[in-house]
Amino acid sequence: NTHSENELGIRKTEIRSKTRGGFVTYAELFRNTSNLFEMLKNSNENLRVFDHGGRRRGEGFSDNKDNDARHVLSKRLGKDRDTINKLISFRQYLNDQAIEFFIKEGVRKRFFENIQTKKNQLINSLKGEKASDEQISEQVSQFIRDQYASYKEGQKKGKEKTKSINSQQ
């Protein structure tokens, strides 16, 4: 009762991201981080109250909600700022159904890193065509799911090829 919704959200994500709450998938990590970022950014609270540590002198705060929200997440989740930015960008334009799919599949970080450039190109193309955010989200989500299906198929073929080579020896 004594903590705000933002504080509780930070604590839950902090526990999951540091794996004290069990195994966290990469999609779950970027979903939670991005959701927290939006919560903090839209909060009426002074973000300095979420700083980690005793005296909370305000080091690293700039009085810019975006930057301050990233700073809080960096400190509280134990990730550097670049990692926080990556997590937020991986979530961009993925709908909830796609994220749930990636969580269930346990898709690893490497896949999202490898697909990010193609994803950004698609987003830029769709924005150039004046597509709405909903249209972009739907198309990007489907594109990434299709790319993951191809990725999995490639992995399956690679395993079959390795089995074939090993059985011949």
N, C-alpha and C. Protein backbone atom coordinates (compact mmCIF):
# COMPACT_ATOMS: atom_id res chain seq x y z
N ASN A 1 0.81 -1.21 0.00
CA ASN A 1 0.00 0.00 0.00
C ASN A 1 0.84 1.26 0.00
N THR A 2 2.08 1.16 0.44
CA THR A 2 2.91 2.36 0.57
C THR A 2 3.68 2.69 -0.71
N HIS A 3 3.64 1.82 -1.72
CA HIS A 3 4.40 2.05 -2.94
C HIS A 3 3.48 2.35 -4.12
N SER A 4 3.96 3.20 -5.01
CA SER A 4 3.19 3.55 -6.21
C SER A 4 3.19 2.39 -7.20
N GLU A 5 2.30 2.47 -8.18
CA GLU A 5 2.25 1.46 -9.26
C GLU A 5 3.59 1.41 -9.99
N ASN A 6 4.18 2.57 -10.20
CA ASN A 6 5.47 2.62 -10.89
C ASN A 6 6.54 1.88 -10.10
N GLU A 7 6.60 2.12 -8.82
CA GLU A 7 7.60 1.46 -7.98
C GLU A 7 7.39 -0.06 -7.99
N LEU A 8 6.16 -0.49 -7.88
CA LEU A 8 5.88 -1.92 -7.89
C LEU A 8 6.26 -2.54 -9.23
N GLY A 9 5.96 -1.84 -10.33
CA GLY A 9 6.35 -2.32 -11.66
C GLY A 9 7.85 -2.44 -11.80
N ILE A 10 8.57 -1.45 -11.30
CA ILE A 10 10.03 -1.49 -11.35
C ILE A 10 10.55 -2.67 -10.55
N ARG A 11 10.02 -2.86 -9.37
CA ARG A 11 10.49 -3.97 -8.52
C ARG A 11 10.22 -5.33 -9.15
N LYS A 12 9.05 -5.50 -9.73
CA LYS A 12 8.73 -6.78 -10.37
C LYS A 12 9.66 -7.05 -11.55
N THR A 13 9.86 -6.05 -12.37
CA THR A 13 10.74 -6.22 -13.53
C THR A 13 12.17 -6.43 -13.08
N GLU A 14 12.58 -5.72 -12.05
CA GLU A 14 13.93 -5.86 -11.52
C GLU A 14 14.18 -7.29 -11.05
N ILE A 15 13.22 -7.84 -10.36
CA ILE A 15 13.35 -9.21 -9.86
C ILE A 15 13.44 -10.19 -11.02
N ARG A 16 12.56 -10.05 -12.02
CA ARG A 16 12.56 -10.96 -13.17
C ARG A 16 13.82 -10.80 -14.02
N SER A 17 14.27 -9.55 -14.22
CA SER A 17 15.41 -9.34 -15.10
C SER A 17 16.71 -9.83 -14.49
N LYS A 18 16.77 -9.90 -13.20
CA LYS A 18 17.98 -10.38 -12.56
C LYS A 18 17.86 -11.87 -12.23
N THR A 19 16.86 -12.50 -12.79
CA THR A 19 16.55 -13.93 -12.72
C THR A 19 16.35 -14.45 -11.29
N ARG A 20 16.10 -13.56 -10.37
CA ARG A 20 15.74 -14.04 -9.04
C ARG A 20 14.31 -14.57 -9.05
N GLY A 21 13.57 -14.19 -10.07
CA GLY A 21 12.19 -14.64 -10.18
C GLY A 21 12.02 -15.75 -11.19
N GLY A 22 13.10 -16.43 -11.53
CA GLY A 22 13.02 -17.50 -12.51
C GLY A 22 13.61 -17.06 -13.83
N PHE A 23 13.53 -17.93 -14.82
CA PHE A 23 14.09 -17.65 -16.14
C PHE A 23 13.21 -16.63 -16.86
N VAL A 24 13.82 -15.59 -17.38
CA VAL A 24 13.09 -14.58 -18.13
C VAL A 24 13.50 -14.69 -19.59
N THR A 25 12.51 -14.72 -20.48
CA THR A 25 12.84 -14.75 -21.90
C THR A 25 13.21 -13.34 -22.34
N TYR A 26 13.91 -13.25 -23.44
CA TYR A 26 14.34 -11.93 -23.92
C TYR A 26 13.14 -11.07 -24.32
N ALA A 27 12.14 -11.68 -24.92
CA ALA A 27 10.94 -10.93 -25.32
C ALA A 27 10.22 -10.39 -24.08
N GLU A 28 10.19 -11.18 -23.02
CA GLU A 28 9.57 -10.73 -21.77
C GLU A 28 10.35 -9.56 -21.19
N LEU A 29 11.66 -9.63 -21.27
CA LEU A 29 12.51 -8.57 -20.74
C LEU A 29 12.29 -7.27 -21.51
N PHE A 30 12.25 -7.32 -22.86
CA PHE A 30 12.05 -6.07 -23.57
C PHE A 30 10.61 -5.57 -23.47
N ARG A 31 9.66 -6.47 -23.34
CA ARG A 31 8.27 -6.03 -23.13
C ARG A 31 8.14 -5.29 -21.80
N ASN A 32 8.66 -5.91 -20.73
CA ASN A 32 8.55 -5.30 -19.41
C ASN A 32 9.31 -3.98 -19.32
N THR A 33 10.49 -3.94 -19.90
CA THR A 33 11.29 -2.72 -19.87
C THR A 33 10.60 -1.61 -20.63
N SER A 34 10.07 -1.93 -21.79
CA SER A 34 9.38 -0.93 -22.60
C SER A 34 8.11 -0.43 -21.92
N ASN A 35 7.36 -1.34 -21.32
CA ASN A 35 6.14 -0.95 -20.60
C ASN A 35 6.48 -0.03 -19.42
N LEU A 36 7.54 -0.37 -18.70
CA LEU A 36 7.98 0.48 -17.60
C LEU A 36 8.42 1.85 -18.09
N PHE A 37 9.12 1.86 -19.21
CA PHE A 37 9.57 3.12 -19.79
C PHE A 37 8.37 4.03 -20.06
N GLU A 38 7.33 3.46 -20.66
CA GLU A 38 6.12 4.25 -20.95
C GLU A 38 5.44 4.71 -19.67
N MET A 39 5.37 3.83 -18.66
CA MET A 39 4.77 4.21 -17.39
C MET A 39 5.51 5.38 -16.75
N LEU A 40 6.83 5.27 -16.71
CA LEU A 40 7.63 6.33 -16.09
C LEU A 40 7.54 7.63 -16.88
N LYS A 41 7.60 7.51 -18.18
CA LYS A 41 7.56 8.69 -19.06
C LYS A 41 6.24 9.45 -18.89
N ASN A 42 5.16 8.72 -18.68
CA ASN A 42 3.84 9.33 -18.56
C ASN A 42 3.44 9.61 -17.12
N SER A 43 4.34 9.36 -16.19
CA SER A 43 4.06 9.55 -14.78
C SER A 43 4.08 11.02 -14.40
N ASN A 44 3.26 11.36 -13.43
CA ASN A 44 3.29 12.72 -12.88
C ASN A 44 4.28 12.82 -11.73
N GLU A 45 4.83 11.68 -11.32
CA GLU A 45 5.78 11.67 -10.21
C GLU A 45 7.14 12.19 -10.68
N ASN A 46 7.87 12.78 -9.74
CA ASN A 46 9.24 13.17 -10.01
C ASN A 46 10.06 11.88 -10.07
N LEU A 47 10.69 11.61 -11.19
CA LEU A 47 11.37 10.33 -11.39
C LEU A 47 12.58 10.16 -10.47
N ARG A 48 13.03 11.21 -9.85
CA ARG A 48 14.15 11.11 -8.91
C ARG A 48 13.81 10.22 -7.72
N VAL A 49 12.54 10.08 -7.39
CA VAL A 49 12.16 9.23 -6.25
C VAL A 49 12.40 7.76 -6.54
N PHE A 50 12.56 7.40 -7.81
CA PHE A 50 12.80 6.01 -8.18
C PHE A 50 14.28 5.69 -8.29
N ASP A 51 15.12 6.67 -8.06
CA ASP A 51 16.56 6.45 -8.16
C ASP A 51 16.97 5.41 -7.14
N HIS A 52 18.00 4.69 -7.47
CA HIS A 52 18.49 3.63 -6.61
C HIS A 52 19.54 4.20 -5.67
N GLY A 53 19.39 3.93 -4.39
CA GLY A 53 20.41 4.37 -3.45
C GLY A 53 19.83 5.23 -2.36
N GLY A 54 20.68 5.59 -1.44
CA GLY A 54 20.28 6.27 -0.22
C GLY A 54 19.86 7.71 -0.39
N ARG A 55 20.79 8.59 -0.68
CA ARG A 55 20.49 10.01 -0.60
C ARG A 55 19.80 10.58 -1.83
N ARG A 56 19.84 9.88 -2.90
CA ARG A 56 19.16 10.30 -4.14
C ARG A 56 19.49 11.74 -4.49
N ARG A 57 20.75 12.02 -4.69
CA ARG A 57 21.19 13.37 -5.01
C ARG A 57 20.74 13.84 -6.38
N GLY A 58 20.36 12.93 -7.22
CA GLY A 58 19.87 13.31 -8.54
C GLY A 58 20.93 13.27 -9.62
N GLU A 59 22.04 12.63 -9.36
CA GLU A 59 23.06 12.51 -10.40
C GLU A 59 22.51 11.73 -11.58
N GLY A 60 22.75 12.24 -12.78
CA GLY A 60 22.32 11.55 -13.98
C GLY A 60 20.95 11.96 -14.47
N PHE A 61 20.24 12.78 -13.70
CA PHE A 61 18.92 13.24 -14.12
C PHE A 61 19.06 14.55 -14.90
N SER A 62 18.18 14.71 -15.88
CA SER A 62 18.30 15.88 -16.76
C SER A 62 17.02 16.71 -16.82
N ASP A 63 16.00 16.32 -16.07
CA ASP A 63 14.68 16.96 -16.12
C ASP A 63 14.03 16.82 -17.49
N ASN A 64 14.42 15.79 -18.23
CA ASN A 64 13.78 15.39 -19.48
C ASN A 64 13.19 14.01 -19.20
N LYS A 65 11.85 13.88 -19.30
CA LYS A 65 11.18 12.63 -18.92
C LYS A 65 11.75 11.40 -19.62
N ASP A 66 12.01 11.48 -20.93
CA ASP A 66 12.56 10.34 -21.66
C ASP A 66 13.92 9.93 -21.10
N ASN A 67 14.81 10.89 -20.97
CA ASN A 67 16.15 10.60 -20.47
C ASN A 67 16.12 10.12 -19.02
N ASP A 68 15.29 10.76 -18.21
CA ASP A 68 15.22 10.38 -16.80
C ASP A 68 14.61 8.99 -16.62
N ALA A 69 13.63 8.64 -17.45
CA ALA A 69 13.03 7.29 -17.39
C ALA A 69 14.09 6.25 -17.76
N ARG A 70 14.87 6.53 -18.78
CA ARG A 70 15.96 5.61 -19.17
C ARG A 70 17.00 5.49 -18.05
N HIS A 71 17.29 6.60 -17.41
CA HIS A 71 18.27 6.60 -16.32
C HIS A 71 17.77 5.72 -15.15
N VAL A 72 16.51 5.88 -14.78
CA VAL A 72 15.94 5.08 -13.69
C VAL A 72 16.00 3.60 -14.05
N LEU A 73 15.58 3.26 -15.28
CA LEU A 73 15.60 1.86 -15.69
C LEU A 73 17.01 1.30 -15.70
N SER A 74 17.95 2.07 -16.16
CA SER A 74 19.35 1.64 -16.18
C SER A 74 19.84 1.31 -14.78
N LYS A 75 19.59 2.21 -13.86
CA LYS A 75 20.05 2.01 -12.49
C LYS A 75 19.32 0.87 -11.79
N ARG A 76 18.01 0.84 -11.93
CA ARG A 76 17.23 -0.12 -11.18
C ARG A 76 17.29 -1.54 -11.75
N LEU A 77 17.44 -1.65 -13.07
CA LEU A 77 17.49 -2.98 -13.69
C LEU A 77 18.91 -3.49 -13.83
N GLY A 78 19.88 -2.64 -13.50
CA GLY A 78 21.28 -3.08 -13.57
C GLY A 78 21.77 -3.26 -14.99
N LYS A 79 21.24 -2.48 -15.91
CA LYS A 79 21.64 -2.56 -17.32
C LYS A 79 22.22 -1.22 -17.73
N ASP A 80 23.16 -1.23 -18.69
CA ASP A 80 23.67 0.07 -19.14
C ASP A 80 22.63 0.73 -20.05
N ARG A 81 22.85 1.98 -20.28
CA ARG A 81 21.87 2.78 -21.03
C ARG A 81 21.66 2.25 -22.46
N ASP A 82 22.73 1.80 -23.10
CA ASP A 82 22.61 1.24 -24.45
C ASP A 82 21.70 0.02 -24.46
N THR A 83 21.83 -0.81 -23.44
CA THR A 83 20.98 -2.01 -23.33
C THR A 83 19.53 -1.61 -23.15
N ILE A 84 19.27 -0.62 -22.31
CA ILE A 84 17.90 -0.14 -22.12
C ILE A 84 17.34 0.37 -23.44
N ASN A 85 18.13 1.13 -24.18
CA ASN A 85 17.68 1.65 -25.49
C ASN A 85 17.38 0.51 -26.46
N LYS A 86 18.22 -0.54 -26.47
CA LYS A 86 17.98 -1.69 -27.34
C LYS A 86 16.68 -2.40 -26.97
N LEU A 87 16.49 -2.60 -25.67
CA LEU A 87 15.28 -3.28 -25.22
C LEU A 87 14.03 -2.51 -25.64
N ILE A 88 14.08 -1.20 -25.51
CA ILE A 88 12.94 -0.38 -25.91
C ILE A 88 12.72 -0.46 -27.42
N SER A 89 13.81 -0.44 -28.19
CA SER A 89 13.66 -0.47 -29.65
C SER A 89 13.19 -1.84 -30.15
N PHE A 90 13.58 -2.93 -29.48
CA PHE A 90 13.11 -4.25 -29.90
C PHE A 90 11.60 -4.36 -29.75
N ARG A 91 11.03 -3.69 -28.77
CA ARG A 91 9.59 -3.74 -28.51
C ARG A 91 8.80 -2.89 -29.50
N GLN A 92 9.44 -1.89 -30.07
CA GLN A 92 8.75 -0.94 -30.92
C GLN A 92 8.02 -1.63 -32.07
N TYR A 93 6.76 -1.32 -32.22
CA TYR A 93 5.88 -1.80 -33.29
C TYR A 93 5.66 -3.31 -33.28
N LEU A 94 5.86 -3.96 -32.15
CA LEU A 94 5.45 -5.36 -32.03
C LEU A 94 4.16 -5.40 -31.22
N ASN A 95 3.13 -6.05 -31.77
CA ASN A 95 1.88 -6.12 -31.02
C ASN A 95 1.97 -7.17 -29.92
N ASP A 96 0.99 -7.13 -29.04
CA ASP A 96 1.00 -8.02 -27.87
C ASP A 96 0.96 -9.49 -28.26
N GLN A 97 0.24 -9.82 -29.33
CA GLN A 97 0.16 -11.22 -29.76
C GLN A 97 1.53 -11.73 -30.21
N ALA A 98 2.26 -10.91 -30.93
CA ALA A 98 3.59 -11.30 -31.39
C ALA A 98 4.53 -11.48 -30.20
N ILE A 99 4.46 -10.57 -29.25
CA ILE A 99 5.33 -10.68 -28.08
C ILE A 99 5.02 -11.94 -27.29
N GLU A 100 3.73 -12.23 -27.11
CA GLU A 100 3.36 -13.46 -26.40
C GLU A 100 3.87 -14.69 -27.13
N PHE A 101 3.80 -14.66 -28.45
CA PHE A 101 4.33 -15.76 -29.27
C PHE A 101 5.82 -15.94 -29.01
N PHE A 102 6.58 -14.83 -29.04
CA PHE A 102 8.03 -14.91 -28.83
C PHE A 102 8.39 -15.34 -27.41
N ILE A 103 7.57 -14.96 -26.45
CA ILE A 103 7.81 -15.39 -25.07
C ILE A 103 7.61 -16.90 -24.97
N LYS A 104 6.50 -17.39 -25.53
CA LYS A 104 6.21 -18.84 -25.49
C LYS A 104 7.28 -19.64 -26.21
N GLU A 105 7.78 -19.10 -27.32
CA GLU A 105 8.82 -19.79 -28.10
C GLU A 105 10.19 -19.70 -27.44
N GLY A 106 10.34 -18.77 -26.50
CA GLY A 106 11.65 -18.60 -25.84
C GLY A 106 12.71 -18.07 -26.79
N VAL A 107 12.30 -17.20 -27.70
CA VAL A 107 13.21 -16.67 -28.72
C VAL A 107 14.35 -15.90 -28.04
N ARG A 108 15.55 -16.20 -28.50
CA ARG A 108 16.74 -15.63 -27.87
C ARG A 108 17.12 -14.27 -28.44
N LYS A 109 17.94 -13.59 -27.67
CA LYS A 109 18.40 -12.24 -27.98
C LYS A 109 19.02 -12.15 -29.38
N ARG A 110 19.80 -13.13 -29.77
CA ARG A 110 20.50 -13.10 -31.05
C ARG A 110 19.55 -12.91 -32.22
N PHE A 111 18.40 -13.58 -32.18
CA PHE A 111 17.44 -13.44 -33.28
C PHE A 111 16.99 -11.98 -33.41
N PHE A 112 16.64 -11.36 -32.29
CA PHE A 112 16.16 -9.98 -32.33
C PHE A 112 17.26 -9.02 -32.78
N GLU A 113 18.47 -9.28 -32.38
CA GLU A 113 19.59 -8.44 -32.83
C GLU A 113 19.81 -8.59 -34.34
N ASN A 114 19.72 -9.81 -34.83
CA ASN A 114 19.95 -10.06 -36.26
C ASN A 114 18.85 -9.47 -37.14
N ILE A 115 17.65 -9.40 -36.63
CA ILE A 115 16.52 -8.95 -37.45
C ILE A 115 16.29 -7.43 -37.33
N GLN A 116 16.93 -6.78 -36.39
CA GLN A 116 16.63 -5.37 -36.10
C GLN A 116 16.82 -4.45 -37.30
N THR A 117 17.87 -4.65 -38.08
CA THR A 117 18.11 -3.78 -39.24
C THR A 117 16.98 -3.92 -40.25
N LYS A 118 16.57 -5.15 -40.55
CA LYS A 118 15.46 -5.37 -41.49
C LYS A 118 14.17 -4.78 -40.94
N LYS A 119 13.98 -4.92 -39.65
CA LYS A 119 12.78 -4.36 -39.01
C LYS A 119 12.77 -2.83 -39.17
N ASN A 120 13.89 -2.19 -38.89
CA ASN A 120 13.97 -0.73 -39.03
C ASN A 120 13.72 -0.28 -40.47
N GLN A 121 14.24 -1.04 -41.43
CA GLN A 121 14.01 -0.72 -42.84
C GLN A 121 12.53 -0.81 -43.19
N LEU A 122 11.87 -1.84 -42.69
CA LEU A 122 10.43 -2.00 -42.93
C LEU A 122 9.65 -0.85 -42.30
N ILE A 123 10.00 -0.50 -41.07
CA ILE A 123 9.32 0.62 -40.39
C ILE A 123 9.48 1.91 -41.18
N ASN A 124 10.70 2.19 -41.61
CA ASN A 124 10.94 3.41 -42.38
C ASN A 124 10.17 3.41 -43.69
N SER A 125 10.11 2.27 -44.34
CA SER A 125 9.36 2.14 -45.59
C SER A 125 7.87 2.39 -45.35
N LEU A 126 7.33 1.79 -44.32
CA LEU A 126 5.90 1.96 -44.02
C LEU A 126 5.58 3.39 -43.61
N LYS A 127 6.48 4.00 -42.86
CA LYS A 127 6.27 5.41 -42.50
C LYS A 127 6.31 6.30 -43.74
N GLY A 128 7.19 5.96 -44.68
CA GLY A 128 7.27 6.69 -45.94
C GLY A 128 5.99 6.58 -46.75
N GLU A 129 5.30 5.45 -46.59
CA GLU A 129 4.02 5.24 -47.26
C GLU A 129 2.86 5.83 -46.47
N LYS A 130 3.17 6.51 -45.37
CA LYS A 130 2.16 7.15 -44.50
C LYS A 130 1.21 6.14 -43.86
N ALA A 131 1.73 4.96 -43.53
CA ALA A 131 0.92 3.95 -42.85
C ALA A 131 0.67 4.39 -41.41
N SER A 132 -0.47 4.00 -40.86
CA SER A 132 -0.80 4.34 -39.47
C SER A 132 0.05 3.48 -38.53
N ASP A 133 0.12 3.88 -37.28
CA ASP A 133 0.87 3.10 -36.28
C ASP A 133 0.31 1.69 -36.16
N GLU A 134 -1.01 1.55 -36.24
CA GLU A 134 -1.63 0.22 -36.14
C GLU A 134 -1.24 -0.65 -37.33
N GLN A 135 -1.23 -0.05 -38.53
CA GLN A 135 -0.82 -0.80 -39.72
C GLN A 135 0.64 -1.20 -39.64
N ILE A 136 1.47 -0.29 -39.18
CA ILE A 136 2.91 -0.59 -39.03
C ILE A 136 3.09 -1.72 -38.03
N SER A 137 2.40 -1.62 -36.91
CA SER A 137 2.51 -2.66 -35.87
C SER A 137 2.09 -4.02 -36.40
N GLU A 138 1.00 -4.06 -37.13
CA GLU A 138 0.50 -5.34 -37.67
C GLU A 138 1.49 -5.92 -38.68
N GLN A 139 1.98 -5.10 -39.58
CA GLN A 139 2.89 -5.60 -40.62
C GLN A 139 4.25 -5.99 -40.05
N VAL A 140 4.77 -5.19 -39.12
CA VAL A 140 6.07 -5.50 -38.50
C VAL A 140 5.96 -6.78 -37.70
N SER A 141 4.89 -6.92 -36.94
CA SER A 141 4.69 -8.14 -36.13
C SER A 141 4.64 -9.38 -37.01
N GLN A 142 3.89 -9.31 -38.10
CA GLN A 142 3.79 -10.45 -39.01
C GLN A 142 5.14 -10.72 -39.69
N PHE A 143 5.82 -9.67 -40.10
CA PHE A 143 7.13 -9.82 -40.74
C PHE A 143 8.12 -10.53 -39.81
N ILE A 144 8.15 -10.13 -38.55
CA ILE A 144 9.11 -10.72 -37.62
C ILE A 144 8.74 -12.18 -37.33
N ARG A 145 7.46 -12.46 -37.22
CA ARG A 145 7.04 -13.86 -37.02
C ARG A 145 7.42 -14.71 -38.23
N ASP A 146 7.24 -14.17 -39.43
CA ASP A 146 7.63 -14.89 -40.65
C ASP A 146 9.14 -15.12 -40.68
N GLN A 147 9.89 -14.11 -40.30
CA GLN A 147 11.35 -14.23 -40.26
C GLN A 147 11.77 -15.29 -39.24
N TYR A 148 11.07 -15.34 -38.13
CA TYR A 148 11.38 -16.34 -37.11
C TYR A 148 11.08 -17.75 -37.63
N ALA A 149 9.99 -17.90 -38.36
CA ALA A 149 9.65 -19.21 -38.93
C ALA A 149 10.76 -19.66 -39.89
N SER A 150 11.27 -18.74 -40.71
CA SER A 150 12.38 -19.06 -41.62
C SER A 150 13.64 -19.40 -40.85
N TYR A 151 13.88 -18.65 -39.80
CA TYR A 151 15.05 -18.87 -38.94
C TYR A 151 15.00 -20.27 -38.31
N LYS A 152 13.83 -20.63 -37.79
CA LYS A 152 13.68 -21.96 -37.18
C LYS A 152 13.85 -23.07 -38.21
N GLU A 153 13.30 -22.85 -39.39
CA GLU A 153 13.43 -23.84 -40.47
C GLU A 153 14.90 -24.02 -40.84
N GLY A 154 15.63 -22.92 -40.91
CA GLY A 154 17.07 -23.00 -41.19
C GLY A 154 17.82 -23.74 -40.11
N GLN A 155 17.44 -23.53 -38.87
CA GLN A 155 18.08 -24.26 -37.77
C GLN A 155 17.79 -25.75 -37.86
N LYS A 156 16.55 -26.09 -38.20
CA LYS A 156 16.16 -27.49 -38.31
C LYS A 156 16.95 -28.18 -39.42
N LYS A 157 17.09 -27.51 -40.57
CA LYS A 157 17.85 -28.07 -41.68
C LYS A 157 19.32 -28.23 -41.32
N GLY A 158 19.84 -27.26 -40.57
CA GLY A 158 21.24 -27.34 -40.13
C GLY A 158 21.48 -28.52 -39.21
N LYS A 159 20.52 -28.80 -38.33
CA LYS A 159 20.64 -29.95 -37.42
C LYS A 159 20.56 -31.26 -38.20
N GLU A 160 19.64 -31.30 -39.19
CA GLU A 160 19.51 -32.51 -40.00
C GLU A 160 20.78 -32.76 -40.80
N LYS A 161 21.37 -31.70 -41.32
CA LYS A 161 22.61 -31.82 -42.09
C LYS A 161 23.74 -32.33 -41.20
N THR A 162 23.81 -31.80 -39.98
CA THR A 162 24.84 -32.24 -39.03
C THR A 162 24.65 -33.71 -38.67
N LYS A 163 23.39 -34.12 -38.46
CA LYS A 163 23.10 -35.52 -38.16
C LYS A 163 23.55 -36.41 -39.31
N SER A 164 23.24 -35.99 -40.53
CA SER A 164 23.61 -36.75 -41.72
C SER A 164 25.12 -36.91 -41.83
N ILE A 165 25.83 -35.84 -41.61
CA ILE A 165 27.30 -35.87 -41.68
C ILE A 165 27.86 -36.79 -40.60
N ASN A 166 27.33 -36.69 -39.40
CA ASN A 166 27.80 -37.52 -38.28
C ASN A 166 27.50 -38.99 -38.51
N SER A 167 26.35 -39.30 -39.11
CA SER A 167 26.01 -40.71 -39.35
C SER A 167 26.86 -41.32 -40.46
N GLN A 168 27.34 -40.49 -41.39
CA GLN A 168 28.19 -40.98 -42.47
C GLN A 168 29.58 -41.31 -41.98
N GLN A 169 29.98 -40.67 -40.89
CA GLN A 169 31.34 -40.89 -40.39
C GLN A 169 31.40 -42.13 -39.61
